[in-house]
């Protein structure tokens, strides 16, 4: 056997070993394989993660994928939470059908907060722009590692302190009593000229209180993104189109995010526009920045209710509904 033949056979053997290794790895990690496949045919983080969870839990409904389209690239802009963070939170509302009464769902809030904490610790940030500074490979690393964090959060949710439990229970009871939900108040607002349905309400449930009561990105803004997605997203399902978009992204081609390049791009672009408008109108996308409260503290929860902030939040929800209708 000459050197060329030996080299050729060695390469084929090595390729076979690598292929077998990859196949074995995916066999032991089916969620990673599902994520890998969905990422390469959908292209964007949030819808790929939602589809992976739907596949894992044998749910045949792609509407949640459509609704998550605008969450990719951050909620209404890259300086907000990564789509790999928000997508599983949206899925929680689909998993658990008890979201009719918020007072009965502190367990979902606990799971959500556990996932947010685990995600932030694992990736050293929860912000889209920080993660994607590392390029496509950094984003994919975050996507491929999400499921273990999510499943462990379901099995071992955070245990609230007595004060936090009291504060969240108090707020939930008041919200139920007064029919207040910052996300739902956008989706069922008469000013929103987009029909809403149960899935939209389920996927937006956890955004109340600035994402799981954490005073993060405003729930009304998140609901606006879901509404935009419902009207402008279509499921992307093409490996070749996604490969083309990724090549353009690596080349820093500004056309990579054009609407016709990927079926989720229009929702992402409009969500960024909504975020710019929201910042201009209210000074920040953050619930904490707008009001200055920490809902884990009972005294803050009492002040939020007694000072009429809830009425102002209804106003913000109405403005978001109106703006989304103007944009679509």
Protein backbone atom coordinates (compact mmCIF):
# COMPACT_ATOMS: atom_id res chain seq x y z
CA UNK A 1 0.00 0.00 0.00
CA UNK A 2 1.50 3.32 -1.06
CA UNK A 3 1.34 6.52 1.00
CA UNK A 4 -1.58 7.99 -0.98
CA UNK A 5 -3.69 4.87 -0.51
CA UNK A 6 -2.79 4.72 3.17
CA UNK A 7 -3.67 8.41 3.67
CA UNK A 8 -6.95 8.04 1.80
CA UNK A 9 -8.01 5.03 3.83
CA UNK A 10 -6.95 6.75 7.05
CA UNK A 11 -9.06 9.78 6.24
CA UNK A 12 -12.10 7.62 5.50
CA UNK A 13 -11.55 5.66 8.70
CA UNK A 14 -11.22 8.82 10.74
CA UNK A 15 -14.36 10.24 9.14
CA UNK A 16 -16.20 7.04 10.00
CA UNK A 17 -15.04 7.17 13.60
CA UNK A 18 -16.06 10.84 13.88
CA UNK A 19 -19.46 10.16 12.31
CA UNK A 20 -20.02 7.24 14.67
CA UNK A 21 -18.95 9.41 17.60
CA UNK A 22 -21.34 12.18 16.62
CA UNK A 23 -24.18 9.72 16.06
CA UNK A 24 -23.51 8.14 19.46
CA UNK A 25 -23.42 11.54 21.16
CA UNK A 26 -26.75 12.57 19.64
CA UNK A 27 -28.26 9.19 20.52
CA UNK A 28 -27.44 9.90 24.16
CA UNK A 29 -28.57 13.52 23.84
CA UNK A 30 -31.74 13.52 21.71
CA UNK A 31 -32.69 17.06 22.74
CA UNK A 32 -29.37 18.34 21.44
CA UNK A 33 -29.99 16.57 18.13
CA UNK A 34 -33.45 18.11 17.89
CA UNK A 35 -32.02 21.53 18.67
CA UNK A 36 -29.23 21.04 16.11
CA UNK A 37 -31.71 20.10 13.39
CA UNK A 38 -34.16 22.90 14.20
CA UNK A 39 -31.46 25.57 14.35
CA UNK A 40 -30.14 24.58 10.92
CA UNK A 41 -33.57 24.64 9.26
CA UNK A 42 -35.09 27.64 11.08
CA UNK A 43 -32.04 29.82 11.61
CA UNK A 44 -33.10 31.89 14.61
CA UNK A 45 -32.80 31.03 18.28
CA UNK A 46 -36.23 31.48 19.88
CA UNK A 47 -38.35 29.61 17.30
CA UNK A 48 -35.77 26.82 17.08
CA UNK A 49 -35.89 26.33 20.85
CA UNK A 50 -39.70 26.39 20.98
CA UNK A 51 -39.84 23.79 18.19
CA UNK A 52 -37.36 21.61 20.08
CA UNK A 53 -39.55 21.71 23.18
CA UNK A 54 -42.68 20.96 21.16
CA UNK A 55 -40.88 17.97 19.62
CA UNK A 56 -39.63 16.78 23.00
CA UNK A 57 -43.07 16.95 24.59
CA UNK A 58 -44.87 15.56 21.49
CA UNK A 59 -46.99 18.66 20.94
CA UNK A 60 -48.05 19.08 17.31
CA UNK A 61 -48.80 22.78 17.13
CA UNK A 62 -46.51 25.24 15.38
CA UNK A 63 -48.38 28.36 16.45
CA UNK A 64 -46.06 28.78 19.48
CA UNK A 65 -43.13 28.73 17.03
CA UNK A 66 -44.74 31.52 15.03
CA UNK A 67 -45.42 33.54 18.18
CA UNK A 68 -41.78 33.31 19.27
CA UNK A 69 -40.42 34.60 15.96
CA UNK A 70 -39.87 38.20 17.06
CA UNK A 71 -38.15 37.11 20.28
CA UNK A 72 -35.04 36.10 18.34
CA UNK A 73 -32.27 38.64 18.71
CA UNK A 74 -33.58 39.77 22.08
CA UNK A 75 -37.01 40.95 23.19
CA UNK A 76 -37.49 44.04 21.02
CA UNK A 77 -33.78 44.64 20.58
CA UNK A 78 -30.38 43.06 21.29
CA UNK A 79 -29.91 44.81 24.66
CA UNK A 80 -32.68 42.67 26.19
CA UNK A 81 -32.97 39.00 27.13
CA UNK A 82 -31.65 36.35 24.70
CA UNK A 83 -34.25 34.38 22.76
CA UNK A 84 -32.88 31.15 24.23
CA UNK A 85 -33.88 32.54 27.62
CA UNK A 86 -37.37 33.70 26.66
CA UNK A 87 -38.43 30.76 24.44
CA UNK A 88 -38.58 28.13 27.25
CA UNK A 89 -40.42 30.66 29.43
CA UNK A 90 -43.06 30.97 26.72
CA UNK A 91 -43.26 27.19 26.57
CA UNK A 92 -44.01 26.96 30.31
CA UNK A 93 -47.44 28.46 29.66
CA UNK A 94 -48.16 25.71 27.13
CA UNK A 95 -46.92 22.93 29.42
CA UNK A 96 -49.14 23.96 32.29
CA UNK A 97 -52.78 24.76 31.64
CA UNK A 98 -53.38 26.27 35.08
CA UNK A 99 -52.54 29.79 33.95
CA UNK A 100 -56.15 30.86 34.30
CA UNK A 101 -55.49 31.97 37.89
CA UNK A 102 -52.12 33.55 38.62
CA UNK A 103 -52.53 32.99 42.37
CA UNK A 104 -52.29 29.23 41.77
CA UNK A 105 -49.11 29.47 39.73
CA UNK A 106 -46.25 30.48 41.97
CA UNK A 107 -44.75 27.12 41.01
CA UNK A 108 -44.43 28.29 37.38
CA UNK A 109 -42.82 31.51 38.54
CA UNK A 110 -40.36 29.46 40.60
CA UNK A 111 -39.44 27.30 37.59
CA UNK A 112 -39.03 30.37 35.40
CA UNK A 113 -36.81 32.12 37.92
CA UNK A 114 -34.71 28.97 38.32
CA UNK A 115 -34.16 28.78 34.57
CA UNK A 116 -33.28 32.47 34.34
CA UNK A 117 -30.74 32.10 37.14
CA UNK A 118 -29.22 28.94 35.66
CA UNK A 119 -29.07 30.44 32.17
CA UNK A 120 -27.37 33.63 33.39
CA UNK A 121 -24.85 31.69 35.47
CA UNK A 122 -24.00 29.24 32.69
CA UNK A 123 -23.58 31.90 30.01
CA UNK A 124 -22.32 34.72 32.25
CA UNK A 125 -25.07 36.96 30.89
CA UNK A 126 -28.67 36.91 29.73
CA UNK A 127 -28.35 39.72 27.17
CA UNK A 128 -28.50 38.92 23.47
CA UNK A 129 -25.92 41.51 22.41
CA UNK A 130 -23.29 40.20 24.85
CA UNK A 131 -23.75 36.61 23.68
CA UNK A 132 -23.78 37.33 19.97
CA UNK A 133 -20.61 39.39 20.20
CA UNK A 134 -18.97 35.97 20.06
CA UNK A 135 -20.54 35.28 16.67
CA UNK A 136 -22.74 32.46 15.40
CA UNK A 137 -20.76 29.79 17.27
CA UNK A 138 -21.38 31.52 20.59
CA UNK A 139 -25.11 31.67 19.89
CA UNK A 140 -25.20 28.00 18.92
CA UNK A 141 -23.34 27.00 22.06
CA UNK A 142 -26.04 28.69 24.13
CA UNK A 143 -28.79 27.00 22.11
CA UNK A 144 -27.29 23.53 22.34
CA UNK A 145 -26.91 23.76 26.12
CA UNK A 146 -30.35 25.12 27.00
CA UNK A 147 -32.27 21.88 27.58
CA UNK A 148 -30.28 20.60 30.54
CA UNK A 149 -30.76 23.96 32.26
CA UNK A 150 -34.48 23.95 31.50
CA UNK A 151 -35.13 20.37 32.63
CA UNK A 152 -33.16 20.84 35.86
CA UNK A 153 -35.18 23.99 36.58
CA UNK A 154 -38.40 22.02 36.25
CA UNK A 155 -37.18 19.30 38.60
CA UNK A 156 -35.56 21.67 41.13
CA UNK A 157 -37.28 25.05 41.13
CA UNK A 158 -36.19 27.83 43.44
CA UNK A 159 -37.72 27.96 46.92
CA UNK A 160 -38.98 31.43 47.74
CA UNK A 161 -38.30 33.12 51.04
CA UNK A 162 -41.30 33.76 53.26
CA UNK A 163 -41.32 37.44 52.30
CA UNK A 164 -41.08 36.74 48.58
CA UNK A 165 -43.85 34.14 48.82
CA UNK A 166 -46.03 36.65 50.63
CA UNK A 167 -45.29 39.42 48.14
CA UNK A 168 -45.90 37.32 45.02
CA UNK A 169 -49.11 35.86 46.49
CA UNK A 170 -50.37 39.33 47.36
CA UNK A 171 -49.65 40.70 43.89
CA UNK A 172 -51.16 37.66 42.18
CA UNK A 173 -54.37 37.95 44.17
CA UNK A 174 -54.68 41.67 43.39
CA UNK A 175 -53.93 41.08 39.71
CA UNK A 176 -56.60 38.37 39.54
CA UNK A 177 -59.13 40.48 41.40
CA UNK A 178 -58.62 43.51 39.18
CA UNK A 179 -58.13 41.50 35.96
CA UNK A 180 -54.67 42.91 35.47
CA UNK A 181 -51.91 41.22 33.50
CA UNK A 182 -49.45 43.50 31.73
CA UNK A 183 -49.04 41.14 28.75
CA UNK A 184 -52.66 40.03 28.47
CA UNK A 185 -53.83 43.63 28.76
CA UNK A 186 -52.04 44.23 25.45
CA UNK A 187 -53.36 41.13 23.69
CA UNK A 188 -57.01 41.63 24.65
CA UNK A 189 -56.92 45.43 24.33
CA UNK A 190 -59.59 46.82 21.94
CA UNK A 191 -56.88 48.96 20.35
CA UNK A 192 -54.99 45.88 19.14
CA UNK A 193 -56.28 45.11 15.67
CA UNK A 194 -54.93 41.58 15.76
CA UNK A 195 -57.13 38.65 16.86
CA UNK A 196 -55.80 36.93 19.98
CA UNK A 197 -56.25 33.33 21.05
CA UNK A 198 -55.57 31.05 23.99
CA UNK A 199 -52.07 30.14 22.81
CA UNK A 200 -51.08 33.80 22.73
CA UNK A 201 -52.33 34.17 26.30
CA UNK A 202 -50.54 30.99 27.44
CA UNK A 203 -47.19 31.88 25.89
CA UNK A 204 -47.30 35.41 27.32
CA UNK A 205 -48.39 34.45 30.84
CA UNK A 206 -44.93 34.32 32.41
CA UNK A 207 -44.06 37.87 31.29
CA UNK A 208 -46.26 39.42 33.96
CA UNK A 209 -44.37 41.52 36.50
CA UNK A 210 -41.43 42.10 34.20
CA UNK A 211 -40.82 38.40 33.39
CA UNK A 212 -41.78 36.07 36.25
CA UNK A 213 -42.13 38.94 38.76
CA UNK A 214 -38.45 39.86 38.35
CA UNK A 215 -39.02 43.46 37.17
CA UNK A 216 -37.08 42.79 33.97
CA UNK A 217 -38.27 43.63 30.45
CA UNK A 218 -41.81 45.02 30.54
CA UNK A 219 -44.45 42.36 29.98
CA UNK A 220 -46.49 44.72 27.81
CA UNK A 221 -43.54 45.09 25.45
CA UNK A 222 -43.06 41.31 25.33
CA UNK A 223 -46.75 40.90 24.47
CA UNK A 224 -46.36 43.46 21.70
CA UNK A 225 -43.60 41.31 20.23
CA UNK A 226 -45.82 38.22 20.42
CA UNK A 227 -48.62 40.14 18.67
CA UNK A 228 -46.24 41.30 15.94
CA UNK A 229 -45.00 37.74 15.49
CA UNK A 230 -48.52 36.37 15.19
CA UNK A 231 -49.21 38.72 12.30
CA UNK A 232 -45.87 38.66 10.46
CA UNK A 233 -44.03 35.38 11.15
CA UNK A 234 -44.11 32.22 9.12
CA UNK A 235 -42.25 29.06 10.05
CA UNK A 236 -38.91 28.80 8.28
CA UNK A 237 -38.12 25.24 7.20
CA UNK A 238 -35.20 25.30 4.79
CA UNK A 239 -31.64 24.19 5.46
CA UNK A 240 -30.41 25.89 2.29
CA UNK A 241 -32.05 29.26 3.05
CA UNK A 242 -30.70 29.20 6.60
CA UNK A 243 -27.22 28.30 5.34
CA UNK A 244 -27.38 31.27 2.97
CA UNK A 245 -28.43 33.61 5.78
CA UNK A 246 -25.62 32.35 8.01
CA UNK A 247 -23.05 32.90 5.25
CA UNK A 248 -24.30 36.46 4.90
CA UNK A 249 -24.11 36.98 8.66
CA UNK A 250 -20.52 35.71 8.77
CA UNK A 251 -19.67 38.06 5.92
CA UNK A 252 -21.34 40.93 7.86
CA UNK A 253 -23.67 41.46 4.92
CA UNK A 254 -26.35 43.95 5.98
CA UNK A 255 -28.93 42.15 3.83
CA UNK A 256 -28.81 39.03 6.03
CA UNK A 257 -31.78 40.30 8.03
CA UNK A 258 -33.85 41.42 5.05
CA UNK A 259 -37.42 40.20 5.24
CA UNK A 260 -37.14 37.85 2.26
CA UNK A 261 -34.03 36.05 3.56
CA UNK A 262 -35.77 34.26 6.44
CA UNK A 263 -39.44 33.90 7.34
CA UNK A 264 -38.85 35.22 10.87
CA UNK A 265 -36.87 38.29 9.83
CA UNK A 266 -39.83 40.63 9.40
CA UNK A 267 -41.06 39.94 12.93
CA UNK A 268 -37.55 40.48 14.32
CA UNK A 269 -37.11 43.75 12.45
CA UNK A 270 -40.51 45.07 13.55
CA UNK A 271 -39.85 44.00 17.13
CA UNK A 272 -36.62 45.99 17.12
CA UNK A 273 -38.61 48.97 15.84
CA UNK A 274 -41.17 48.49 18.62
CA UNK A 275 -38.37 48.40 21.17
CA UNK A 276 -36.90 51.67 19.89
CA UNK A 277 -40.31 53.31 20.15
CA UNK A 278 -40.86 51.93 23.67
CA UNK A 279 -37.52 53.27 24.91
CA UNK A 280 -38.31 56.66 23.44
CA UNK A 281 -41.75 56.74 25.05
CA UNK A 282 -41.00 55.32 28.50
CA UNK A 283 -37.25 55.77 28.94
CA UNK A 284 -36.37 52.09 29.27
CA UNK A 285 -37.63 48.60 28.45
CA UNK A 286 -37.09 47.54 32.06
CA UNK A 287 -39.95 47.32 34.53
CA UNK A 288 -37.51 48.15 37.35
CA UNK A 289 -36.15 51.20 35.55
CA UNK A 290 -39.65 52.52 34.91
CA UNK A 291 -41.03 52.00 38.43
CA UNK A 292 -38.07 51.30 40.71
CA UNK A 293 -39.76 48.44 42.57
CA UNK A 294 -38.57 44.98 43.59
CA UNK A 295 -41.59 42.67 43.70
CA UNK A 296 -39.79 40.16 45.93
CA UNK A 297 -40.17 42.72 48.75
CA UNK A 298 -43.63 42.96 50.25
CA UNK A 299 -43.34 46.68 51.03
CA UNK A 300 -42.55 47.37 47.36
CA UNK A 301 -45.53 45.31 46.24
CA UNK A 302 -47.82 47.25 48.58
CA UNK A 303 -46.50 50.58 47.32
CA UNK A 304 -46.85 49.53 43.70
CA UNK A 305 -50.54 48.77 44.27
CA UNK A 306 -51.36 51.73 46.51
CA UNK A 307 -49.62 54.34 44.35
CA UNK A 308 -51.69 53.62 41.26
CA UNK A 309 -48.86 52.19 39.18
CA UNK A 310 -51.14 49.42 37.97
CA UNK A 311 -53.30 52.00 36.22
CA UNK A 312 -50.22 53.41 34.53
CA UNK A 313 -49.26 49.91 33.42
CA UNK A 314 -52.69 49.56 31.83
CA UNK A 315 -51.98 52.80 30.01
CA UNK A 316 -48.64 51.46 28.77
CA UNK A 317 -50.37 48.28 27.59
CA UNK A 318 -52.88 50.35 25.65
CA UNK A 319 -50.14 52.38 24.02
CA UNK A 320 -48.28 49.24 23.00
CA UNK A 321 -51.45 47.74 21.51
CA UNK A 322 -52.07 50.91 19.54
CA UNK A 323 -48.48 51.11 18.30
CA UNK A 324 -48.44 47.48 17.18
CA UNK A 325 -51.67 48.04 15.22
CA UNK A 326 -50.10 51.03 13.49
CA UNK A 327 -47.02 49.02 12.56
CA UNK A 328 -48.72 45.96 11.07
